[in-house]
Amino acid sequence: MPTIQAETATGLKTFEAPLGRKLVLALEDAGIDILHRCGGNARCTTCRVEILEGDASEMGEAERNRLAMEKELAPHIRLSCQIRVQDDLKVRVINQACVRHLDPGPRPAE
């Protein structure tokens, strides 16, 4: 299984994720309170992560179109709801419920 290292508001968390699992679900299942306000449909961008190391695979059309609407995003920003875990990754979780004081949103479908 691929290993995920996630930089969060409370420190670095390392865990294994099932191959092919949506990254947002792998993060949530590892106890990381990542936001996903639209339920994993590439509409809201709250599940953004910065890819620090590893291959997050090619960006799909829905993700590319949604991120194109945002201004001044840092390089290597991706939507975790659109990434299927294929390889080891190191990511920085950008929006967490504990920091934003928001309900994470509906759990994304697999």
N, C-alpha and C. Protein backbone atom coordinates (compact mmCIF):
# COMPACT_ATOMS: atom_id res chain seq x y z
N MET A 1 0.84 -1.19 0.00
CA MET A 1 0.00 0.00 0.00
C MET A 1 0.88 1.25 0.00
N PRO A 2 0.46 2.28 -0.73
CA PRO A 2 1.21 3.53 -0.73
C PRO A 2 1.19 4.20 0.65
N THR A 3 2.26 4.91 0.94
CA THR A 3 2.39 5.66 2.18
C THR A 3 2.11 7.13 1.91
N ILE A 4 1.27 7.72 2.75
CA ILE A 4 0.93 9.13 2.65
C ILE A 4 1.50 9.85 3.86
N GLN A 5 2.20 10.94 3.63
CA GLN A 5 2.65 11.84 4.69
C GLN A 5 1.85 13.12 4.51
N ALA A 6 1.14 13.51 5.56
CA ALA A 6 0.29 14.70 5.48
C ALA A 6 0.73 15.73 6.51
N GLU A 7 1.11 16.91 6.03
CA GLU A 7 1.39 18.03 6.92
C GLU A 7 0.06 18.67 7.26
N THR A 8 -0.26 18.74 8.56
CA THR A 8 -1.54 19.27 9.00
C THR A 8 -1.32 20.39 10.01
N ALA A 9 -2.40 21.00 10.47
CA ALA A 9 -2.31 22.05 11.47
C ALA A 9 -1.77 21.54 12.79
N THR A 10 -1.84 20.23 13.01
CA THR A 10 -1.37 19.65 14.27
C THR A 10 -0.09 18.85 14.12
N GLY A 11 0.54 18.89 12.94
CA GLY A 11 1.80 18.19 12.74
C GLY A 11 1.75 17.23 11.56
N LEU A 12 2.79 16.44 11.44
CA LEU A 12 2.93 15.49 10.34
C LEU A 12 2.30 14.16 10.73
N LYS A 13 1.48 13.61 9.84
CA LYS A 13 0.87 12.31 10.07
C LYS A 13 1.23 11.42 8.89
N THR A 14 1.71 10.21 9.19
CA THR A 14 2.08 9.25 8.16
C THR A 14 1.18 8.02 8.29
N PHE A 15 0.67 7.55 7.17
CA PHE A 15 -0.23 6.40 7.17
C PHE A 15 -0.21 5.73 5.81
N GLU A 16 -0.71 4.50 5.76
CA GLU A 16 -0.85 3.79 4.49
C GLU A 16 -2.26 3.97 3.97
N ALA A 17 -2.38 4.03 2.65
CA ALA A 17 -3.69 4.20 2.02
C ALA A 17 -3.88 3.12 0.97
N PRO A 18 -5.09 2.60 0.87
CA PRO A 18 -5.36 1.59 -0.16
C PRO A 18 -5.16 2.15 -1.57
N LEU A 19 -4.58 1.36 -2.41
CA LEU A 19 -4.36 1.73 -3.80
C LEU A 19 -5.71 2.05 -4.45
N GLY A 20 -5.79 3.18 -5.14
CA GLY A 20 -7.00 3.58 -5.85
C GLY A 20 -8.01 4.35 -5.01
N ARG A 21 -7.75 4.49 -3.71
CA ARG A 21 -8.68 5.22 -2.83
C ARG A 21 -8.58 6.71 -3.11
N LYS A 22 -9.71 7.43 -3.02
CA LYS A 22 -9.65 8.89 -3.15
C LYS A 22 -8.81 9.43 -2.00
N LEU A 23 -7.93 10.36 -2.30
CA LEU A 23 -7.05 10.92 -1.28
C LEU A 23 -7.84 11.56 -0.16
N VAL A 24 -8.92 12.27 -0.46
CA VAL A 24 -9.72 12.92 0.58
C VAL A 24 -10.24 11.89 1.58
N LEU A 25 -10.65 10.71 1.11
CA LEU A 25 -11.15 9.67 2.01
C LEU A 25 -10.03 9.04 2.81
N ALA A 26 -8.87 8.85 2.17
CA ALA A 26 -7.72 8.30 2.89
C ALA A 26 -7.30 9.24 4.02
N LEU A 27 -7.30 10.55 3.75
CA LEU A 27 -6.95 11.53 4.78
C LEU A 27 -7.97 11.49 5.92
N GLU A 28 -9.23 11.50 5.58
CA GLU A 28 -10.28 11.49 6.59
C GLU A 28 -10.24 10.21 7.42
N ASP A 29 -10.05 9.08 6.76
CA ASP A 29 -9.99 7.80 7.46
C ASP A 29 -8.77 7.70 8.38
N ALA A 30 -7.74 8.50 8.10
CA ALA A 30 -6.55 8.54 8.95
C ALA A 30 -6.73 9.52 10.11
N GLY A 31 -7.91 10.11 10.23
CA GLY A 31 -8.20 11.00 11.36
C GLY A 31 -7.90 12.47 11.09
N ILE A 32 -7.67 12.82 9.84
CA ILE A 32 -7.39 14.21 9.47
C ILE A 32 -8.71 14.87 9.09
N ASP A 33 -9.02 15.98 9.73
CA ASP A 33 -10.32 16.63 9.53
C ASP A 33 -10.30 17.61 8.35
N ILE A 34 -10.06 17.06 7.17
CA ILE A 34 -10.01 17.86 5.95
C ILE A 34 -11.42 18.29 5.56
N LEU A 35 -11.53 19.52 5.08
CA LEU A 35 -12.83 19.99 4.59
C LEU A 35 -13.12 19.38 3.22
N HIS A 36 -14.39 19.16 2.95
CA HIS A 36 -14.86 18.67 1.65
C HIS A 36 -16.33 19.07 1.53
N ARG A 37 -16.54 20.37 1.49
CA ARG A 37 -17.88 20.95 1.59
C ARG A 37 -18.84 20.53 0.47
N CYS A 38 -18.35 20.21 -0.72
CA CYS A 38 -19.24 19.83 -1.81
C CYS A 38 -19.43 18.32 -1.90
N GLY A 39 -18.85 17.59 -0.97
CA GLY A 39 -19.00 16.14 -0.98
C GLY A 39 -18.14 15.42 -2.00
N GLY A 40 -17.05 16.05 -2.40
CA GLY A 40 -16.11 15.39 -3.31
C GLY A 40 -16.46 15.48 -4.78
N ASN A 41 -17.10 16.57 -5.17
CA ASN A 41 -17.56 16.73 -6.55
C ASN A 41 -16.79 17.77 -7.35
N ALA A 42 -15.63 18.18 -6.89
CA ALA A 42 -14.78 19.16 -7.60
C ALA A 42 -15.50 20.48 -7.84
N ARG A 43 -16.32 20.92 -6.87
CA ARG A 43 -17.05 22.17 -7.03
C ARG A 43 -16.59 23.27 -6.09
N CYS A 44 -16.07 22.91 -4.91
CA CYS A 44 -15.86 23.96 -3.89
C CYS A 44 -14.40 24.28 -3.61
N THR A 45 -13.49 23.43 -3.89
CA THR A 45 -12.04 23.56 -3.65
C THR A 45 -11.63 23.53 -2.18
N THR A 46 -12.53 23.21 -1.25
CA THR A 46 -12.13 23.19 0.16
C THR A 46 -11.21 22.02 0.51
N CYS A 47 -11.16 20.99 -0.31
CA CYS A 47 -10.32 19.82 -0.03
C CYS A 47 -8.93 19.96 -0.66
N ARG A 48 -8.54 21.18 -0.95
CA ARG A 48 -7.23 21.41 -1.59
C ARG A 48 -6.07 20.88 -0.74
N VAL A 49 -5.10 20.34 -1.45
CA VAL A 49 -3.83 19.94 -0.85
C VAL A 49 -2.73 20.45 -1.76
N GLU A 50 -1.57 20.64 -1.17
CA GLU A 50 -0.38 20.95 -1.96
C GLU A 50 0.44 19.68 -2.05
N ILE A 51 0.77 19.27 -3.25
CA ILE A 51 1.59 18.07 -3.45
C ILE A 51 3.05 18.47 -3.25
N LEU A 52 3.65 17.96 -2.19
CA LEU A 52 5.03 18.29 -1.86
C LEU A 52 6.02 17.30 -2.46
N GLU A 53 5.62 16.01 -2.51
CA GLU A 53 6.46 14.96 -3.10
C GLU A 53 5.55 13.87 -3.63
N GLY A 54 6.00 13.21 -4.68
CA GLY A 54 5.27 12.08 -5.22
C GLY A 54 4.45 12.45 -6.44
N ASP A 55 3.88 11.43 -7.06
CA ASP A 55 3.09 11.59 -8.27
C ASP A 55 1.62 11.44 -7.93
N ALA A 56 0.86 12.51 -8.04
CA ALA A 56 -0.58 12.49 -7.75
C ALA A 56 -1.39 12.19 -9.01
N SER A 57 -0.75 11.80 -10.06
CA SER A 57 -1.36 11.47 -11.36
C SER A 57 -1.84 12.73 -12.07
N GLU A 58 -2.24 12.53 -13.30
CA GLU A 58 -2.65 13.67 -14.14
C GLU A 58 -3.98 14.24 -13.66
N MET A 59 -4.12 15.53 -13.80
CA MET A 59 -5.33 16.23 -13.40
C MET A 59 -6.42 15.99 -14.46
N GLY A 60 -7.61 15.67 -13.98
CA GLY A 60 -8.74 15.47 -14.89
C GLY A 60 -9.39 16.79 -15.27
N GLU A 61 -10.31 16.73 -16.21
CA GLU A 61 -10.95 17.92 -16.74
C GLU A 61 -11.75 18.70 -15.69
N ALA A 62 -12.53 18.00 -14.85
CA ALA A 62 -13.34 18.69 -13.84
C ALA A 62 -12.46 19.45 -12.85
N GLU A 63 -11.37 18.82 -12.43
CA GLU A 63 -10.45 19.47 -11.50
C GLU A 63 -9.75 20.65 -12.16
N ARG A 64 -9.27 20.45 -13.36
CA ARG A 64 -8.56 21.52 -14.08
C ARG A 64 -9.47 22.73 -14.28
N ASN A 65 -10.71 22.48 -14.68
CA ASN A 65 -11.67 23.57 -14.91
C ASN A 65 -11.98 24.32 -13.63
N ARG A 66 -12.16 23.60 -12.53
CA ARG A 66 -12.50 24.25 -11.26
C ARG A 66 -11.33 25.07 -10.73
N LEU A 67 -10.13 24.51 -10.76
CA LEU A 67 -8.96 25.24 -10.26
C LEU A 67 -8.63 26.44 -11.14
N ALA A 68 -8.99 26.39 -12.42
CA ALA A 68 -8.74 27.52 -13.33
C ALA A 68 -9.55 28.75 -12.91
N MET A 69 -10.63 28.55 -12.16
CA MET A 69 -11.44 29.67 -11.69
C MET A 69 -10.83 30.40 -10.50
N GLU A 70 -9.87 29.78 -9.85
CA GLU A 70 -9.24 30.37 -8.66
C GLU A 70 -8.08 31.26 -9.07
N LYS A 71 -7.86 32.30 -8.29
CA LYS A 71 -6.76 33.22 -8.57
C LYS A 71 -5.62 32.99 -7.59
N GLU A 72 -4.42 33.12 -8.09
CA GLU A 72 -3.22 33.10 -7.27
C GLU A 72 -3.05 31.84 -6.43
N LEU A 73 -3.31 30.68 -7.01
CA LEU A 73 -3.05 29.43 -6.30
C LEU A 73 -1.56 29.11 -6.40
N ALA A 74 -1.04 28.57 -5.32
CA ALA A 74 0.36 28.14 -5.31
C ALA A 74 0.53 26.98 -6.30
N PRO A 75 1.74 26.80 -6.79
CA PRO A 75 2.00 25.65 -7.67
C PRO A 75 1.71 24.34 -6.93
N HIS A 76 1.37 23.33 -7.66
CA HIS A 76 1.17 21.98 -7.13
C HIS A 76 -0.07 21.84 -6.25
N ILE A 77 -1.04 22.74 -6.40
CA ILE A 77 -2.30 22.62 -5.66
C ILE A 77 -3.22 21.69 -6.42
N ARG A 78 -3.81 20.75 -5.70
CA ARG A 78 -4.74 19.79 -6.28
C ARG A 78 -5.95 19.65 -5.37
N LEU A 79 -7.02 19.09 -5.91
CA LEU A 79 -8.22 18.76 -5.12
C LEU A 79 -8.09 17.31 -4.70
N SER A 80 -8.07 17.08 -3.39
CA SER A 80 -7.86 15.71 -2.90
C SER A 80 -9.02 14.79 -3.25
N CYS A 81 -10.19 15.35 -3.54
CA CYS A 81 -11.34 14.53 -3.93
C CYS A 81 -11.19 13.98 -5.34
N GLN A 82 -10.24 14.50 -6.10
CA GLN A 82 -10.06 14.09 -7.49
C GLN A 82 -8.80 13.24 -7.69
N ILE A 83 -8.06 13.00 -6.62
CA ILE A 83 -6.82 12.22 -6.70
C ILE A 83 -7.09 10.81 -6.21
N ARG A 84 -6.74 9.82 -7.02
CA ARG A 84 -6.76 8.42 -6.61
C ARG A 84 -5.34 8.04 -6.22
N VAL A 85 -5.17 7.52 -5.03
CA VAL A 85 -3.85 7.16 -4.51
C VAL A 85 -3.26 6.05 -5.38
N GLN A 86 -2.12 6.32 -5.98
CA GLN A 86 -1.42 5.35 -6.81
C GLN A 86 0.02 5.13 -6.36
N ASP A 87 0.54 6.10 -5.59
CA ASP A 87 1.96 6.10 -5.25
C ASP A 87 2.13 6.78 -3.90
N ASP A 88 3.31 6.66 -3.31
CA ASP A 88 3.59 7.39 -2.08
C ASP A 88 3.46 8.89 -2.35
N LEU A 89 2.90 9.62 -1.38
CA LEU A 89 2.72 11.06 -1.52
C LEU A 89 3.06 11.76 -0.22
N LYS A 90 3.55 12.98 -0.35
CA LYS A 90 3.67 13.89 0.78
C LYS A 90 2.86 15.12 0.39
N VAL A 91 1.87 15.46 1.24
CA VAL A 91 0.97 16.57 0.94
C VAL A 91 0.87 17.51 2.14
N ARG A 92 0.47 18.73 1.85
CA ARG A 92 0.12 19.69 2.90
C ARG A 92 -1.38 19.93 2.79
N VAL A 93 -2.10 19.63 3.88
CA VAL A 93 -3.55 19.82 3.90
C VAL A 93 -3.81 21.30 4.15
N ILE A 94 -4.55 21.94 3.27
CA ILE A 94 -4.74 23.38 3.32
C ILE A 94 -5.90 23.79 4.21
N ASN A 95 -7.03 23.12 4.12
CA ASN A 95 -8.22 23.50 4.88
C ASN A 95 -8.67 22.37 5.81
N GLN A 96 -8.63 22.64 7.09
CA GLN A 96 -9.08 21.67 8.08
C GLN A 96 -10.22 22.26 8.91
N ALA A 97 -11.15 21.39 9.30
CA ALA A 97 -12.30 21.81 10.09
C ALA A 97 -11.86 22.46 11.40
N CYS A 98 -10.82 21.92 12.04
CA CYS A 98 -10.36 22.46 13.32
C CYS A 98 -9.80 23.87 13.21
N VAL A 99 -9.33 24.24 12.05
CA VAL A 99 -8.77 25.58 11.83
C VAL A 99 -9.85 26.55 11.36
N ARG A 100 -10.69 26.09 10.45
CA ARG A 100 -11.73 26.95 9.86
C ARG A 100 -13.00 27.02 10.70
N HIS A 101 -13.10 26.13 11.69
CA HIS A 101 -14.28 26.07 12.55
C HIS A 101 -15.56 25.85 11.74
N LEU A 102 -15.47 24.90 10.81
CA LEU A 102 -16.59 24.54 9.95
C LEU A 102 -16.83 23.03 10.03
N ASP A 103 -18.05 22.64 9.74
CA ASP A 103 -18.34 21.23 9.56
C ASP A 103 -17.59 20.78 8.30
N PRO A 104 -16.97 19.61 8.31
CA PRO A 104 -16.20 19.20 7.12
C PRO A 104 -17.02 19.13 5.85
N GLY A 105 -18.31 18.79 5.95
CA GLY A 105 -19.15 18.61 4.77
C GLY A 105 -19.52 17.15 4.63
N PRO A 106 -20.37 16.83 3.66
CA PRO A 106 -20.79 15.44 3.48
C PRO A 106 -19.63 14.57 3.02
N ARG A 107 -19.58 13.35 3.58
CA ARG A 107 -18.48 12.45 3.21
C ARG A 107 -18.56 12.13 1.72
N PRO A 108 -17.45 12.32 1.01
CA PRO A 108 -17.44 12.01 -0.42
C PRO A 108 -17.68 10.52 -0.66
N ALA A 109 -18.31 10.22 -1.79
CA ALA A 109 -18.50 8.84 -2.20
C ALA A 109 -17.18 8.28 -2.70
N GLU A 110 -17.02 7.00 -2.58
CA GLU A 110 -15.82 6.35 -3.09
C GLU A 110 -15.88 6.38 -4.59
